[in-house]
């Protein structure tokens, strides 16, 4: 019985599609501790706002200046590690992202 439940859970997890779907281009609008951030994801070039990115079915990870940014594609949560923050020891900041439709004009 336990094996059947675990197998069903595994199938459900593997068949779930990310909230942040893989289109050619995607605009993400994020709120990180009341700071608005906008990122442009290019899946073909594997970049975020021009920065090289690791893009997997679960995560988008990239560097921007001294920040390491991780976005969970299922929940839309964003974690920013600011290397130079908190007296030089680094700080973690958390927030939420959503997709934005590209403006036509």
C-alpha atoms as a PDB file:
ATOM      1  CA  UNK A   1       0.000   0.000   0.000  1.00  0.00           C
ATOM      2  CA  UNK A   2       2.797   2.414   0.908  1.00  0.00           C
ATOM      3  CA  UNK A   3       4.639   1.612  -2.333  1.00  0.00           C
ATOM      4  CA  UNK A   4       1.486   2.281  -4.356  1.00  0.00           C
ATOM      5  CA  UNK A   5       1.001   5.668  -2.655  1.00  0.00           C
ATOM      6  CA  UNK A   6       4.650   6.648  -3.202  1.00  0.00           C
ATOM      7  CA  UNK A   7       4.448   5.576  -6.850  1.00  0.00           C
ATOM      8  CA  UNK A   8       1.278   7.650  -7.350  1.00  0.00           C
ATOM      9  CA  UNK A   9       2.941  10.675  -5.745  1.00  0.00           C
ATOM     10  CA  UNK A  10       6.000  10.268  -7.964  1.00  0.00           C
ATOM     11  CA  UNK A  11       3.829  10.112 -11.104  1.00  0.00           C
ATOM     12  CA  UNK A  12       1.944  13.222  -9.986  1.00  0.00           C
ATOM     13  CA  UNK A  13       5.175  15.157  -9.370  1.00  0.00           C
ATOM     14  CA  UNK A  14       6.697  14.122 -12.680  1.00  0.00           C
ATOM     15  CA  UNK A  15       3.588  14.997 -14.650  1.00  0.00           C
ATOM     16  CA  UNK A  16       3.106  18.428 -13.048  1.00  0.00           C
ATOM     17  CA  UNK A  17       3.936  21.306 -15.326  1.00  0.00           C
ATOM     18  CA  UNK A  18       5.860  24.338 -14.051  1.00  0.00           C
ATOM     19  CA  UNK A  19       3.937  27.494 -13.238  1.00  0.00           C
ATOM     20  CA  UNK A  20       6.541  29.407 -15.237  1.00  0.00           C
ATOM     21  CA  UNK A  21       6.182  27.572 -18.532  1.00  0.00           C
ATOM     22  CA  UNK A  22       8.898  27.306 -21.129  1.00  0.00           C
ATOM     23  CA  UNK A  23       8.017  29.656 -23.941  1.00  0.00           C
ATOM     24  CA  UNK A  24      10.503  31.311 -26.277  1.00  0.00           C
ATOM     25  CA  UNK A  25      10.594  34.467 -24.136  1.00  0.00           C
ATOM     26  CA  UNK A  26       9.081  35.262 -20.785  1.00  0.00           C
ATOM     27  CA  UNK A  27       8.812  38.432 -18.736  1.00  0.00           C
ATOM     28  CA  UNK A  28       8.876  37.890 -14.976  1.00  0.00           C
ATOM     29  CA  UNK A  29       7.689  40.576 -12.582  1.00  0.00           C
ATOM     30  CA  UNK A  30       8.989  39.871  -9.083  1.00  0.00           C
ATOM     31  CA  UNK A  31       8.474  41.463  -5.684  1.00  0.00           C
ATOM     32  CA  UNK A  32      11.454  40.848  -3.403  1.00  0.00           C
ATOM     33  CA  UNK A  33      10.772  42.270   0.042  1.00  0.00           C
ATOM     34  CA  UNK A  34       8.803  45.225  -1.432  1.00  0.00           C
ATOM     35  CA  UNK A  35      11.356  45.839  -4.195  1.00  0.00           C
ATOM     36  CA  UNK A  36       9.953  45.391  -7.717  1.00  0.00           C
ATOM     37  CA  UNK A  37      12.229  43.526 -10.148  1.00  0.00           C
ATOM     38  CA  UNK A  38      11.634  42.622 -13.791  1.00  0.00           C
ATOM     39  CA  UNK A  39      13.520  39.872 -15.623  1.00  0.00           C
ATOM     40  CA  UNK A  40      13.473  38.853 -19.278  1.00  0.00           C
ATOM     41  CA  UNK A  41      13.938  35.092 -19.729  1.00  0.00           C
ATOM     42  CA  UNK A  42      15.112  33.864 -23.150  1.00  0.00           C
ATOM     43  CA  UNK A  43      14.798  30.074 -23.126  1.00  0.00           C
ATOM     44  CA  UNK A  44      16.456  29.677 -26.533  1.00  0.00           C
ATOM     45  CA  UNK A  45      19.590  31.621 -25.544  1.00  0.00           C
ATOM     46  CA  UNK A  46      19.391  30.357 -21.931  1.00  0.00           C
ATOM     47  CA  UNK A  47      19.725  33.865 -20.500  1.00  0.00           C
ATOM     48  CA  UNK A  48      17.909  36.043 -17.980  1.00  0.00           C
ATOM     49  CA  UNK A  49      18.133  39.767 -18.714  1.00  0.00           C
ATOM     50  CA  UNK A  50      21.248  39.040 -20.782  1.00  0.00           C
ATOM     51  CA  UNK A  51      22.976  37.009 -18.053  1.00  0.00           C
ATOM     52  CA  UNK A  52      23.806  33.312 -18.652  1.00  0.00           C
ATOM     53  CA  UNK A  53      21.319  31.099 -16.794  1.00  0.00           C
ATOM     54  CA  UNK A  54      20.884  27.490 -15.755  1.00  0.00           C
ATOM     55  CA  UNK A  55      17.330  26.607 -16.733  1.00  0.00           C
ATOM     56  CA  UNK A  56      15.916  23.271 -15.608  1.00  0.00           C
ATOM     57  CA  UNK A  57      12.326  22.033 -15.419  1.00  0.00           C
ATOM     58  CA  UNK A  58      12.291  23.049 -11.735  1.00  0.00           C
ATOM     59  CA  UNK A  59      14.555  26.120 -11.406  1.00  0.00           C
ATOM     60  CA  UNK A  60      15.983  29.168 -13.142  1.00  0.00           C
ATOM     61  CA  UNK A  61      19.354  30.174 -11.627  1.00  0.00           C
ATOM     62  CA  UNK A  62      21.549  33.088 -12.708  1.00  0.00           C
ATOM     63  CA  UNK A  63      24.051  35.713 -11.505  1.00  0.00           C
ATOM     64  CA  UNK A  64      23.430  39.434 -11.725  1.00  0.00           C
ATOM     65  CA  UNK A  65      26.288  41.568 -10.406  1.00  0.00           C
ATOM     66  CA  UNK A  66      26.887  40.290  -6.840  1.00  0.00           C
ATOM     67  CA  UNK A  67      23.493  38.570  -6.645  1.00  0.00           C
ATOM     68  CA  UNK A  68      22.790  34.869  -7.158  1.00  0.00           C
ATOM     69  CA  UNK A  69      19.133  34.551  -8.067  1.00  0.00           C
ATOM     70  CA  UNK A  70      17.076  31.354  -7.928  1.00  0.00           C
ATOM     71  CA  UNK A  71      13.487  31.185  -9.182  1.00  0.00           C
ATOM     72  CA  UNK A  72      11.315  28.146  -8.506  1.00  0.00           C
ATOM     73  CA  UNK A  73       9.366  27.455 -11.704  1.00  0.00           C
ATOM     74  CA  UNK A  74       6.575  25.607  -9.877  1.00  0.00           C
ATOM     75  CA  UNK A  75       5.756  28.101  -7.132  1.00  0.00           C
ATOM     76  CA  UNK A  76       7.169  31.324  -8.627  1.00  0.00           C
ATOM     77  CA  UNK A  77       9.174  31.970  -5.443  1.00  0.00           C
ATOM     78  CA  UNK A  78      12.428  33.868  -5.832  1.00  0.00           C
ATOM     79  CA  UNK A  79      15.482  33.815  -3.580  1.00  0.00           C
ATOM     80  CA  UNK A  80      18.195  36.433  -3.994  1.00  0.00           C
ATOM     81  CA  UNK A  81      21.565  35.938  -2.309  1.00  0.00           C
ATOM     82  CA  UNK A  82      23.303  39.301  -2.123  1.00  0.00           C
ATOM     83  CA  UNK A  83      26.984  38.477  -1.579  1.00  0.00           C
ATOM     84  CA  UNK A  84      27.965  41.966  -0.438  1.00  0.00           C
ATOM     85  CA  UNK A  85      25.049  42.457   1.960  1.00  0.00           C
ATOM     86  CA  UNK A  86      24.804  42.199   5.749  1.00  0.00           C
ATOM     87  CA  UNK A  87      28.298  43.455   6.494  1.00  0.00           C
ATOM     88  CA  UNK A  88      29.968  41.415   3.750  1.00  0.00           C
ATOM     89  CA  UNK A  89      28.739  38.020   4.924  1.00  0.00           C
ATOM     90  CA  UNK A  90      25.869  37.935   2.467  1.00  0.00           C
ATOM     91  CA  UNK A  91      22.094  38.067   2.882  1.00  0.00           C
ATOM     92  CA  UNK A  92      19.150  36.092   1.549  1.00  0.00           C
ATOM     93  CA  UNK A  93      16.053  37.912   0.341  1.00  0.00           C
ATOM     94  CA  UNK A  94      12.800  36.208  -0.642  1.00  0.00           C
ATOM     95  CA  UNK A  95       9.842  37.111  -2.798  1.00  0.00           C
ATOM     96  CA  UNK A  96       7.384  36.022  -5.462  1.00  0.00           C
ATOM     97  CA  UNK A  97       7.351  36.227  -9.271  1.00  0.00           C
ATOM     98  CA  UNK A  98       4.560  36.127 -11.809  1.00  0.00           C
ATOM     99  CA  UNK A  99       4.537  36.222 -15.590  1.00  0.00           C
ATOM    100  CA  UNK A 100       3.653  39.314 -17.566  1.00  0.00           C
ATOM    101  CA  UNK A 101       2.335  39.339 -21.104  1.00  0.00           C
ATOM    102  CA  UNK A 102       4.603  41.187 -23.497  1.00  0.00           C
ATOM    103  CA  UNK A 103       3.185  44.555 -24.512  1.00  0.00           C
ATOM    104  CA  UNK A 104       2.332  44.869 -28.197  1.00  0.00           C
ATOM    105  CA  UNK A 105       3.197  48.573 -28.373  1.00  0.00           C
END
